[in-house]
Amino acid sequence: MLTIRMQRGGRSGHPQYRIIVQDSRFSPTSGRIVAQVGTYDPHSKATTLDAAKIEGYLNNGAQPSDRVASILRANKVSLPSWVKAAVSKSSITRHAGKLKRNTPEAPVAEVAPAEEAPVETEAVAEEAPVEA
């Protein structure tokens, strides 16, 4: 079965993707692709698609990945009725009490300035005799 998926390229930390048609048994990194039908840059959201080729593969049964299907919908490529919308994931925070925004604010205690000790003008101190 053919799938339409993304193949990562680009330098480290700056991905760019090719939208490829590939046999579902192979991984995108294998290099064994049927056709390259577009590109996608996630930083600038720039997309180039060959809509005629994509529709041809979709009509012959190629299965798009969830991310590719959303890209195709955004670019108004007609998808067959059997392509299902991706299930939206619910964001569940496991330990919500540990989040900084959920902790109660501690009352801020005002720090009183320290009182200054009176300065003694007579600094003569009697020394005790030290026994040797």
N, C-alpha and C. Protein backbone atom coordinates (compact mmCIF):
# COMPACT_ATOMS: atom_id res chain seq x y z
N MET A 1 0.84 -1.17 0.00
CA MET A 1 0.00 0.00 0.00
C MET A 1 0.89 1.24 0.00
N LEU A 2 0.52 2.23 -0.75
CA LEU A 2 1.29 3.46 -0.83
C LEU A 2 0.83 4.44 0.25
N THR A 3 1.77 5.18 0.78
CA THR A 3 1.46 6.23 1.74
C THR A 3 2.08 7.54 1.26
N ILE A 4 1.43 8.62 1.63
CA ILE A 4 1.98 9.95 1.37
C ILE A 4 2.43 10.48 2.72
N ARG A 5 3.73 10.68 2.87
CA ARG A 5 4.29 11.07 4.15
C ARG A 5 5.39 12.09 3.96
N MET A 6 5.95 12.54 5.07
CA MET A 6 7.02 13.55 5.02
C MET A 6 8.37 12.89 5.28
N GLN A 7 9.36 13.36 4.56
CA GLN A 7 10.74 12.89 4.72
C GLN A 7 11.58 14.07 5.16
N ARG A 8 12.25 13.93 6.32
CA ARG A 8 12.99 15.04 6.90
C ARG A 8 14.30 15.27 6.17
N GLY A 9 14.60 16.54 6.00
CA GLY A 9 15.87 16.96 5.43
C GLY A 9 16.30 18.22 6.14
N GLY A 10 17.31 18.87 5.67
CA GLY A 10 17.76 20.11 6.29
C GLY A 10 18.83 19.86 7.32
N ARG A 11 19.36 20.95 7.82
CA ARG A 11 20.46 20.82 8.79
C ARG A 11 19.91 20.56 10.20
N SER A 12 20.80 20.33 11.10
CA SER A 12 20.43 20.04 12.48
C SER A 12 19.73 21.24 13.11
N GLY A 13 18.57 21.01 13.67
CA GLY A 13 17.81 22.07 14.31
C GLY A 13 16.99 22.92 13.36
N HIS A 14 17.08 22.69 12.08
CA HIS A 14 16.32 23.47 11.09
C HIS A 14 15.77 22.51 10.05
N PRO A 15 14.68 21.78 10.38
CA PRO A 15 14.19 20.77 9.44
C PRO A 15 13.45 21.37 8.25
N GLN A 16 13.52 20.67 7.16
CA GLN A 16 12.71 20.93 5.98
C GLN A 16 12.25 19.58 5.49
N TYR A 17 11.03 19.49 5.04
CA TYR A 17 10.46 18.20 4.71
C TYR A 17 10.10 18.11 3.24
N ARG A 18 10.30 16.90 2.67
CA ARG A 18 9.79 16.56 1.36
C ARG A 18 8.50 15.79 1.58
N ILE A 19 7.52 16.03 0.78
CA ILE A 19 6.29 15.23 0.83
C ILE A 19 6.44 14.19 -0.26
N ILE A 20 6.48 12.93 0.15
CA ILE A 20 6.81 11.84 -0.77
C ILE A 20 5.70 10.80 -0.79
N VAL A 21 5.68 10.02 -1.86
CA VAL A 21 4.81 8.85 -1.97
C VAL A 21 5.74 7.65 -1.87
N GLN A 22 5.40 6.74 -0.95
CA GLN A 22 6.30 5.63 -0.65
C GLN A 22 5.51 4.40 -0.26
N ASP A 23 6.11 3.24 -0.47
CA ASP A 23 5.50 2.00 0.01
C ASP A 23 5.50 2.03 1.54
N SER A 24 4.38 1.66 2.16
CA SER A 24 4.25 1.78 3.61
C SER A 24 5.18 0.84 4.36
N ARG A 25 5.75 -0.15 3.71
CA ARG A 25 6.65 -1.08 4.39
C ARG A 25 8.03 -0.50 4.62
N PHE A 26 8.38 0.57 3.92
CA PHE A 26 9.70 1.17 4.05
C PHE A 26 9.63 2.42 4.92
N SER A 27 10.74 2.73 5.57
CA SER A 27 10.79 3.96 6.37
C SER A 27 11.16 5.13 5.45
N PRO A 28 10.82 6.34 5.86
CA PRO A 28 11.14 7.49 5.02
C PRO A 28 12.64 7.68 4.81
N THR A 29 13.45 7.16 5.71
CA THR A 29 14.90 7.33 5.57
C THR A 29 15.53 6.29 4.65
N SER A 30 14.74 5.32 4.17
CA SER A 30 15.32 4.26 3.34
C SER A 30 15.75 4.76 1.96
N GLY A 31 15.14 5.84 1.49
CA GLY A 31 15.48 6.36 0.18
C GLY A 31 14.69 5.74 -0.95
N ARG A 32 13.89 4.73 -0.66
CA ARG A 32 13.11 4.04 -1.69
C ARG A 32 11.75 4.70 -1.80
N ILE A 33 11.66 5.73 -2.62
CA ILE A 33 10.40 6.46 -2.76
C ILE A 33 9.86 6.26 -4.17
N VAL A 34 8.55 6.42 -4.31
CA VAL A 34 7.90 6.31 -5.62
C VAL A 34 7.96 7.65 -6.32
N ALA A 35 7.60 8.73 -5.59
CA ALA A 35 7.59 10.06 -6.19
C ALA A 35 7.70 11.11 -5.09
N GLN A 36 8.29 12.24 -5.47
CA GLN A 36 8.28 13.40 -4.58
C GLN A 36 7.22 14.35 -5.13
N VAL A 37 6.24 14.70 -4.26
CA VAL A 37 5.11 15.49 -4.74
C VAL A 37 5.04 16.87 -4.12
N GLY A 38 5.99 17.23 -3.26
CA GLY A 38 5.96 18.56 -2.68
C GLY A 38 7.01 18.74 -1.60
N THR A 39 7.03 19.96 -1.04
CA THR A 39 7.94 20.28 0.06
C THR A 39 7.17 21.08 1.11
N TYR A 40 7.72 21.07 2.33
CA TYR A 40 7.09 21.81 3.43
C TYR A 40 8.20 22.33 4.34
N ASP A 41 8.15 23.63 4.63
CA ASP A 41 9.09 24.26 5.56
C ASP A 41 8.31 24.68 6.80
N PRO A 42 8.52 24.02 7.95
CA PRO A 42 7.72 24.34 9.13
C PRO A 42 8.03 25.69 9.75
N HIS A 43 9.16 26.29 9.43
CA HIS A 43 9.51 27.58 10.02
C HIS A 43 8.76 28.73 9.35
N SER A 44 8.72 28.70 8.04
CA SER A 44 8.02 29.76 7.32
C SER A 44 6.63 29.32 6.86
N LYS A 45 6.28 28.06 7.11
CA LYS A 45 5.01 27.47 6.68
C LYS A 45 4.84 27.49 5.16
N ALA A 46 5.95 27.58 4.44
CA ALA A 46 5.90 27.58 2.98
C ALA A 46 5.70 26.14 2.49
N THR A 47 4.77 25.99 1.57
CA THR A 47 4.44 24.67 1.03
C THR A 47 4.37 24.75 -0.48
N THR A 48 5.00 23.79 -1.14
CA THR A 48 4.84 23.64 -2.58
C THR A 48 4.32 22.24 -2.83
N LEU A 49 3.22 22.13 -3.57
CA LEU A 49 2.59 20.84 -3.82
C LEU A 49 2.29 20.69 -5.30
N ASP A 50 2.39 19.46 -5.78
CA ASP A 50 1.93 19.11 -7.12
C ASP A 50 0.55 18.46 -6.95
N ALA A 51 -0.48 19.29 -6.95
CA ALA A 51 -1.84 18.84 -6.60
C ALA A 51 -2.35 17.76 -7.56
N ALA A 52 -2.01 17.85 -8.82
CA ALA A 52 -2.50 16.86 -9.78
C ALA A 52 -1.94 15.47 -9.47
N LYS A 53 -0.64 15.40 -9.16
CA LYS A 53 -0.03 14.11 -8.82
C LYS A 53 -0.61 13.57 -7.52
N ILE A 54 -0.78 14.46 -6.54
CA ILE A 54 -1.29 14.02 -5.23
C ILE A 54 -2.70 13.47 -5.38
N GLU A 55 -3.57 14.16 -6.11
CA GLU A 55 -4.93 13.68 -6.31
C GLU A 55 -4.94 12.36 -7.08
N GLY A 56 -4.02 12.20 -8.00
CA GLY A 56 -3.93 10.94 -8.73
C GLY A 56 -3.57 9.78 -7.81
N TYR A 57 -2.59 9.99 -6.93
CA TYR A 57 -2.22 8.93 -5.98
C TYR A 57 -3.33 8.68 -4.97
N LEU A 58 -4.01 9.73 -4.51
CA LEU A 58 -5.11 9.55 -3.55
C LEU A 58 -6.27 8.77 -4.18
N ASN A 59 -6.56 9.06 -5.44
CA ASN A 59 -7.64 8.34 -6.12
C ASN A 59 -7.30 6.88 -6.36
N ASN A 60 -6.01 6.55 -6.39
CA ASN A 60 -5.59 5.16 -6.56
C ASN A 60 -5.33 4.47 -5.23
N GLY A 61 -5.67 5.12 -4.10
CA GLY A 61 -5.62 4.44 -2.81
C GLY A 61 -4.45 4.78 -1.90
N ALA A 62 -3.66 5.78 -2.25
CA ALA A 62 -2.56 6.16 -1.36
C ALA A 62 -3.12 6.77 -0.08
N GLN A 63 -2.54 6.39 1.05
CA GLN A 63 -3.03 6.83 2.36
C GLN A 63 -2.15 7.96 2.87
N PRO A 64 -2.70 9.18 3.09
CA PRO A 64 -1.86 10.26 3.62
C PRO A 64 -1.70 10.14 5.13
N SER A 65 -0.55 10.56 5.64
CA SER A 65 -0.37 10.60 7.09
C SER A 65 -1.23 11.73 7.65
N ASP A 66 -1.39 11.75 8.96
CA ASP A 66 -2.24 12.77 9.58
C ASP A 66 -1.72 14.17 9.28
N ARG A 67 -0.42 14.36 9.42
CA ARG A 67 0.17 15.69 9.21
C ARG A 67 0.06 16.11 7.75
N VAL A 68 0.29 15.18 6.84
CA VAL A 68 0.19 15.49 5.41
C VAL A 68 -1.26 15.80 5.05
N ALA A 69 -2.21 15.07 5.63
CA ALA A 69 -3.62 15.34 5.35
C ALA A 69 -4.00 16.74 5.80
N SER A 70 -3.49 17.19 6.95
CA SER A 70 -3.82 18.55 7.40
C SER A 70 -3.15 19.60 6.50
N ILE A 71 -1.96 19.31 5.99
CA ILE A 71 -1.30 20.23 5.06
C ILE A 71 -2.09 20.30 3.75
N LEU A 72 -2.58 19.15 3.29
CA LEU A 72 -3.36 19.13 2.05
C LEU A 72 -4.68 19.89 2.21
N ARG A 73 -5.33 19.73 3.38
CA ARG A 73 -6.56 20.48 3.63
C ARG A 73 -6.29 21.98 3.65
N ALA A 74 -5.18 22.38 4.26
CA ALA A 74 -4.84 23.80 4.35
C ALA A 74 -4.58 24.39 2.97
N ASN A 75 -4.08 23.58 2.04
CA ASN A 75 -3.80 24.05 0.69
C ASN A 75 -4.93 23.73 -0.28
N LYS A 76 -6.08 23.34 0.25
CA LYS A 76 -7.30 23.11 -0.53
C LYS A 76 -7.15 22.05 -1.62
N VAL A 77 -6.42 20.98 -1.29
CA VAL A 77 -6.35 19.82 -2.18
C VAL A 77 -7.50 18.92 -1.79
N SER A 78 -8.30 18.51 -2.78
CA SER A 78 -9.48 17.69 -2.48
C SER A 78 -9.05 16.30 -2.04
N LEU A 79 -9.56 15.89 -0.88
CA LEU A 79 -9.26 14.57 -0.33
C LEU A 79 -10.47 13.66 -0.50
N PRO A 80 -10.26 12.37 -0.70
CA PRO A 80 -11.39 11.44 -0.80
C PRO A 80 -12.16 11.39 0.52
N SER A 81 -13.37 10.89 0.47
CA SER A 81 -14.22 10.86 1.67
C SER A 81 -13.71 9.88 2.71
N TRP A 82 -12.91 8.89 2.32
CA TRP A 82 -12.43 7.89 3.28
C TRP A 82 -11.25 8.37 4.11
N VAL A 83 -10.69 9.54 3.77
CA VAL A 83 -9.60 10.09 4.58
C VAL A 83 -10.22 10.72 5.81
N LYS A 84 -9.85 10.19 6.98
CA LYS A 84 -10.44 10.66 8.22
C LYS A 84 -9.63 11.81 8.79
N ALA A 85 -10.32 12.67 9.53
CA ALA A 85 -9.64 13.77 10.21
C ALA A 85 -8.86 13.20 11.39
N ALA A 86 -7.74 13.81 11.69
CA ALA A 86 -6.92 13.36 12.81
C ALA A 86 -7.65 13.61 14.12
N VAL A 87 -7.51 12.68 15.03
CA VAL A 87 -8.13 12.82 16.34
C VAL A 87 -7.32 13.82 17.14
N SER A 88 -8.01 14.84 17.65
CA SER A 88 -7.28 15.84 18.42
C SER A 88 -6.91 15.26 19.78
N LYS A 89 -5.69 15.49 20.17
CA LYS A 89 -5.19 14.96 21.43
C LYS A 89 -5.57 15.92 22.55
N SER A 90 -6.03 15.36 23.64
CA SER A 90 -6.36 16.21 24.78
C SER A 90 -5.09 16.44 25.58
N SER A 91 -4.94 17.64 26.03
CA SER A 91 -3.74 17.95 26.78
C SER A 91 -4.03 17.78 28.27
N ILE A 92 -3.52 16.70 28.81
CA ILE A 92 -3.71 16.42 30.23
C ILE A 92 -2.39 16.67 30.93
N THR A 93 -2.43 17.54 31.91
CA THR A 93 -1.23 17.81 32.69
C THR A 93 -1.25 16.86 33.88
N ARG A 94 -0.20 16.08 34.03
CA ARG A 94 -0.21 15.06 35.06
C ARG A 94 -0.15 15.62 36.47
N HIS A 95 0.80 16.43 36.76
CA HIS A 95 0.96 16.96 38.11
C HIS A 95 0.68 18.46 38.08
N ALA A 96 -0.59 18.80 37.96
CA ALA A 96 -0.95 20.20 37.81
C ALA A 96 -0.64 21.02 39.04
N GLY A 97 -0.60 20.39 40.20
CA GLY A 97 -0.30 21.12 41.43
C GLY A 97 1.13 21.61 41.49
N LYS A 98 2.00 20.99 40.71
CA LYS A 98 3.41 21.38 40.72
C LYS A 98 3.70 22.57 39.81
N LEU A 99 2.75 22.94 38.99
CA LEU A 99 2.98 24.05 38.09
C LEU A 99 3.05 25.36 38.87
N LYS A 100 3.90 26.22 38.44
CA LYS A 100 4.10 27.49 39.12
C LYS A 100 2.82 28.33 39.10
N ARG A 101 2.08 28.25 38.02
CA ARG A 101 0.87 29.07 37.91
C ARG A 101 -0.24 28.57 38.83
N ASN A 102 -0.16 27.33 39.32
CA ASN A 102 -1.20 26.78 40.18
C ASN A 102 -0.85 26.86 41.67
N THR A 103 0.33 27.31 42.00
CA THR A 103 0.70 27.42 43.40
C THR A 103 0.19 28.74 43.95
N PRO A 104 -0.32 28.73 45.19
CA PRO A 104 -0.81 29.99 45.75
C PRO A 104 0.36 30.93 46.02
N GLU A 105 0.05 32.20 45.89
CA GLU A 105 1.09 33.19 46.10
C GLU A 105 1.37 33.32 47.58
N ALA A 106 2.63 33.32 47.94
CA ALA A 106 3.02 33.48 49.34
C ALA A 106 2.93 34.96 49.69
N PRO A 107 2.43 35.26 50.89
CA PRO A 107 2.36 36.68 51.26
C PRO A 107 3.77 37.26 51.38
N VAL A 108 3.92 38.42 50.84
CA VAL A 108 5.23 39.07 50.86
C VAL A 108 5.34 39.86 52.16
N ALA A 109 6.28 39.46 53.00
CA ALA A 109 6.49 40.14 54.27
C ALA A 109 7.41 41.32 54.04
N GLU A 110 6.99 42.45 54.58
CA GLU A 110 7.83 43.63 54.43
C GLU A 110 8.98 43.55 55.42
N VAL A 111 10.15 43.82 54.97
CA VAL A 111 11.34 43.76 55.81
C VAL A 111 11.54 45.12 56.43
N ALA A 112 11.53 45.15 57.78
CA ALA A 112 11.73 46.41 58.49
C ALA A 112 13.22 46.74 58.50
N PRO A 113 13.57 48.00 58.34
CA PRO A 113 14.99 48.33 58.38
C PRO A 113 15.56 48.08 59.78
N ALA A 114 16.76 47.57 59.80
CA ALA A 114 17.39 47.24 61.08
C ALA A 114 17.72 48.53 61.83
N GLU A 115 17.49 48.48 63.16
CA GLU A 115 17.79 49.66 63.97
C GLU A 115 19.30 49.74 64.18
N GLU A 116 19.79 50.93 64.10
CA GLU A 116 21.23 51.11 64.28
C GLU A 116 21.53 51.19 65.76
N ALA A 117 22.59 50.52 66.17
CA ALA A 117 23.01 50.56 67.56
C ALA A 117 23.70 51.90 67.83
N PRO A 118 23.52 52.44 69.02
CA PRO A 118 24.19 53.71 69.31
C PRO A 118 25.70 53.55 69.30
N VAL A 119 26.35 54.50 68.71
CA VAL A 119 27.80 54.45 68.58
C VAL A 119 28.42 54.96 69.88
N GLU A 120 29.30 54.16 70.47
CA GLU A 120 29.95 54.58 71.71
C GLU A 120 31.17 55.42 71.35
N THR A 121 31.26 56.56 72.00
CA THR A 121 32.39 57.43 71.71
C THR A 121 33.64 57.00 72.47
N GLU A 122 33.46 56.36 73.59
CA GLU A 122 34.62 55.88 74.35
C GLU A 122 34.85 54.44 73.94
N ALA A 123 35.87 54.25 73.16
CA ALA A 123 36.19 52.91 72.68
C ALA A 123 37.36 52.32 73.45
N VAL A 124 37.60 52.82 74.66
CA VAL A 124 38.69 52.30 75.44
C VAL A 124 38.17 51.08 76.17
N ALA A 125 38.78 50.00 75.91
CA ALA A 125 38.36 48.76 76.56
C ALA A 125 39.46 48.31 77.48
N GLU A 126 39.07 47.97 78.64
CA GLU A 126 40.07 47.48 79.58
C GLU A 126 40.37 46.03 79.29
N GLU A 127 41.63 45.75 79.24
CA GLU A 127 42.01 44.38 78.92
C GLU A 127 42.34 43.66 80.22
N ALA A 128 41.91 42.45 80.30
CA ALA A 128 42.22 41.60 81.45
C ALA A 128 43.64 41.09 81.28
N PRO A 129 44.37 40.99 82.37
CA PRO A 129 45.73 40.47 82.26
C PRO A 129 45.72 39.01 81.82
N VAL A 130 46.56 38.70 80.91
CA VAL A 130 46.65 37.34 80.37
C VAL A 130 47.73 36.59 81.11
N GLU A 131 47.38 35.47 81.66
CA GLU A 131 48.37 34.67 82.38
C GLU A 131 49.13 33.83 81.38
N ALA A 132 50.41 33.76 81.58
CA ALA A 132 51.24 33.00 80.67
C ALA A 132 51.48 31.61 81.11
